[in-house]
Amino acid sequence: MGQGDGREVAWLDAIVDGVREVHEVMIEVGGGAPGEHTASLYAACARPFQTAFGEPLFDDPVARVAAIFHAIICDHVFVDGNKRTGTGVALLYLTAEGILPVPDPQEDLKLALLGEVALATASGRLTVEQVTYWIRRIFEPSSTV
C-alpha cells in the first residue's frame, strides 16, 4: 500500500491493483512465475504522473501510456511476464483513452509491432520518448504502418 494519510495515494493503489490483475491474467494465459517487486511496481504506476517544477513530465495520454509501459518492462516489476504485462496495460490504457478501439485479435500486425517495441524496450534500446513515438505511429488513426 502507498504511504501517506490515504487520500494522496488511493488513486495509486487502484492503478497498482489494475496492473496486478493484468499480470495475473498474463501469467495464467502465458505461463511464468508469479511474484512482484512491490516498491518497483508502485514506482512504475506513479511514473506517468510525475511532475518537475509543478509541470507534468508526461503531458498527454500517449506519453503516460509509454511511461508506464517503459517502467513495467525496464524496472522488472514482476518476477516474470513484464513485457506481456506492460503490453497488456498499454492496450488497456490506450483503449480507455479512446486512442485504440477495443483491441481486435485480428489486428495481428499492430499487436506484433507493439510486441517488437516491448522487446526493444526490454533490451534498453528505447527511451520513454521513443516508445511514445512508436505507440503514436502504430495506433493513432492518422498514422500508417
Protein backbone atom coordinates (compact mmCIF):
# COMPACT_ATOMS: atom_id res chain seq x y z
CA MET A 1 0.00 0.00 0.00
CA GLY A 2 1.18 3.51 -0.71
CA GLN A 3 2.38 5.80 2.04
CA GLY A 4 0.57 8.88 3.36
CA ASP A 5 -2.75 9.51 5.01
CA GLY A 6 -4.64 7.59 2.32
CA ARG A 7 -6.13 10.46 0.39
CA GLU A 8 -3.00 11.26 -1.57
CA VAL A 9 -2.31 7.72 -2.73
CA ALA A 10 -5.68 5.97 -3.05
CA TRP A 11 -5.56 6.57 -6.80
CA LEU A 12 -2.15 4.88 -6.95
CA ASP A 13 -3.41 1.80 -5.12
CA ALA A 14 -6.19 1.49 -7.71
CA ILE A 15 -3.71 1.62 -10.59
CA VAL A 16 -1.40 -0.90 -8.91
CA ASP A 17 -4.34 -3.26 -8.35
CA GLY A 18 -5.29 -2.97 -12.02
CA VAL A 19 -1.74 -3.70 -13.18
CA ARG A 20 -1.62 -6.70 -10.83
CA GLU A 21 -4.83 -8.03 -12.40
CA VAL A 22 -3.34 -7.71 -15.89
CA HIS A 23 -0.22 -9.53 -14.70
CA GLU A 24 -2.26 -12.36 -13.17
CA VAL A 25 -4.07 -12.88 -16.47
CA MET A 26 -0.82 -12.80 -18.44
CA ILE A 27 0.76 -15.42 -16.17
CA GLU A 28 -2.37 -17.57 -16.21
CA VAL A 29 -2.62 -17.48 -20.01
CA GLY A 30 1.05 -17.45 -20.99
CA GLY A 31 2.70 -19.19 -18.06
CA GLY A 32 5.51 -17.98 -15.86
CA ALA A 33 6.32 -17.38 -12.24
CA PRO A 34 4.12 -15.14 -10.11
CA GLY A 35 5.63 -12.51 -7.82
CA GLU A 36 6.34 -8.82 -7.74
CA HIS A 37 8.79 -6.23 -6.53
CA THR A 38 6.22 -4.10 -4.74
CA ALA A 39 8.21 -0.88 -4.43
CA SER A 40 9.15 -1.01 -8.11
CA LEU A 41 5.53 -1.72 -9.05
CA TYR A 42 4.32 1.36 -7.17
CA ALA A 43 7.06 3.47 -8.73
CA ALA A 44 6.18 2.24 -12.22
CA CYS A 45 2.49 3.02 -11.71
CA ALA A 46 3.26 6.51 -10.39
CA ARG A 47 5.74 7.35 -13.15
CA PRO A 48 3.19 8.63 -15.71
CA PHE A 49 2.06 11.25 -13.19
CA GLN A 50 5.46 12.65 -12.19
CA THR A 51 5.99 16.39 -12.22
CA ALA A 52 9.01 18.66 -12.27
CA PHE A 53 8.70 22.25 -11.07
CA GLY A 54 4.93 21.80 -10.98
CA GLU A 55 4.69 20.69 -14.62
CA PRO A 56 3.81 17.16 -15.70
CA LEU A 57 6.68 15.22 -17.26
CA PHE A 58 4.25 13.29 -19.46
CA ASP A 59 1.70 15.78 -20.67
CA ASP A 60 -0.55 13.71 -22.90
CA PRO A 61 -2.23 10.28 -22.70
CA VAL A 62 0.12 8.53 -25.13
CA ALA A 63 3.19 9.74 -23.24
CA ARG A 64 1.64 8.50 -19.97
CA VAL A 65 0.96 5.10 -21.57
CA ALA A 66 4.56 4.98 -22.81
CA ALA A 67 5.84 5.89 -19.33
CA ILE A 68 4.04 3.04 -17.55
CA PHE A 69 4.84 0.59 -20.38
CA HIS A 70 8.54 1.52 -20.20
CA ALA A 71 8.63 1.39 -16.38
CA ILE A 72 6.95 -2.01 -16.09
CA ILE A 73 9.28 -3.51 -18.66
CA CYS A 74 12.59 -1.83 -17.74
CA ASP A 75 12.18 -1.88 -13.98
CA HIS A 76 11.26 -5.60 -13.95
CA VAL A 77 8.42 -5.01 -11.52
CA PHE A 78 7.32 -8.64 -11.73
CA VAL A 79 9.32 -11.84 -11.42
CA ASP A 80 8.12 -12.89 -14.87
CA GLY A 81 5.87 -11.53 -17.63
CA ASN A 82 6.97 -7.89 -17.61
CA LYS A 83 6.82 -7.41 -21.39
CA ARG A 84 3.43 -9.12 -21.62
CA THR A 85 2.08 -7.14 -18.67
CA GLY A 86 3.44 -3.83 -19.96
CA THR A 87 1.90 -4.53 -23.35
CA GLY A 88 -1.46 -5.51 -21.84
CA VAL A 89 -1.52 -2.42 -19.62
CA ALA A 90 -0.65 -0.21 -22.60
CA LEU A 91 -3.50 -1.68 -24.65
CA LEU A 92 -5.97 -1.17 -21.80
CA TYR A 93 -4.91 2.45 -21.25
CA LEU A 94 -4.99 3.21 -24.97
CA THR A 95 -8.50 1.77 -25.12
CA ALA A 96 -9.60 3.70 -22.01
CA GLU A 97 -8.24 6.93 -23.52
CA GLY A 98 -10.17 6.31 -26.75
CA ILE A 99 -6.97 6.12 -28.80
CA LEU A 100 -7.49 2.47 -29.59
CA PRO A 101 -10.84 0.84 -30.19
CA VAL A 102 -11.40 -2.37 -28.27
CA PRO A 103 -8.43 -4.50 -29.37
CA ASP A 104 -9.22 -6.86 -32.20
CA PRO A 105 -7.10 -10.03 -32.13
CA GLN A 106 -7.38 -10.00 -35.94
CA GLU A 107 -5.19 -6.87 -35.99
CA ASP A 108 -2.11 -9.01 -35.55
CA LEU A 109 0.22 -6.53 -37.22
CA LYS A 110 -0.37 -3.70 -34.73
CA LEU A 111 -0.11 -6.07 -31.77
CA ALA A 112 3.03 -7.64 -33.23
CA LEU A 113 4.56 -4.20 -33.70
CA LEU A 114 3.82 -3.31 -30.08
CA GLY A 115 5.45 -6.61 -29.11
CA GLU A 116 8.55 -5.57 -31.03
CA VAL A 117 8.53 -2.24 -29.16
CA ALA A 118 8.35 -4.21 -25.89
CA LEU A 119 11.37 -6.30 -26.91
CA ALA A 120 13.38 -3.24 -27.90
CA THR A 121 12.38 -1.54 -24.65
CA ALA A 122 13.47 -4.54 -22.60
CA SER A 123 16.85 -4.55 -24.32
CA GLY A 124 17.38 -0.95 -23.24
CA ARG A 125 17.30 0.42 -26.78
CA LEU A 126 14.26 2.69 -26.37
CA THR A 127 13.60 5.68 -24.14
CA VAL A 128 10.12 6.73 -22.99
CA GLU A 129 10.14 9.38 -25.73
CA GLN A 130 10.92 6.77 -28.37
CA VAL A 131 8.23 4.44 -27.02
CA THR A 132 5.78 7.36 -27.21
CA TYR A 133 6.73 7.90 -30.85
CA TRP A 134 6.19 4.23 -31.72
CA ILE A 135 2.87 3.96 -29.89
CA ARG A 136 1.62 7.00 -31.82
CA ARG A 137 2.96 5.60 -35.08
CA ILE A 138 1.28 2.23 -34.53
CA PHE A 139 -2.07 3.21 -33.04
CA GLU A 140 -3.11 6.76 -33.80
CA PRO A 141 -5.70 6.95 -36.60
CA SER A 142 -3.71 9.35 -38.77
CA SER A 143 -0.71 7.02 -38.72
CA THR A 144 0.07 4.48 -41.37
CA VAL A 145 2.11 1.42 -40.65
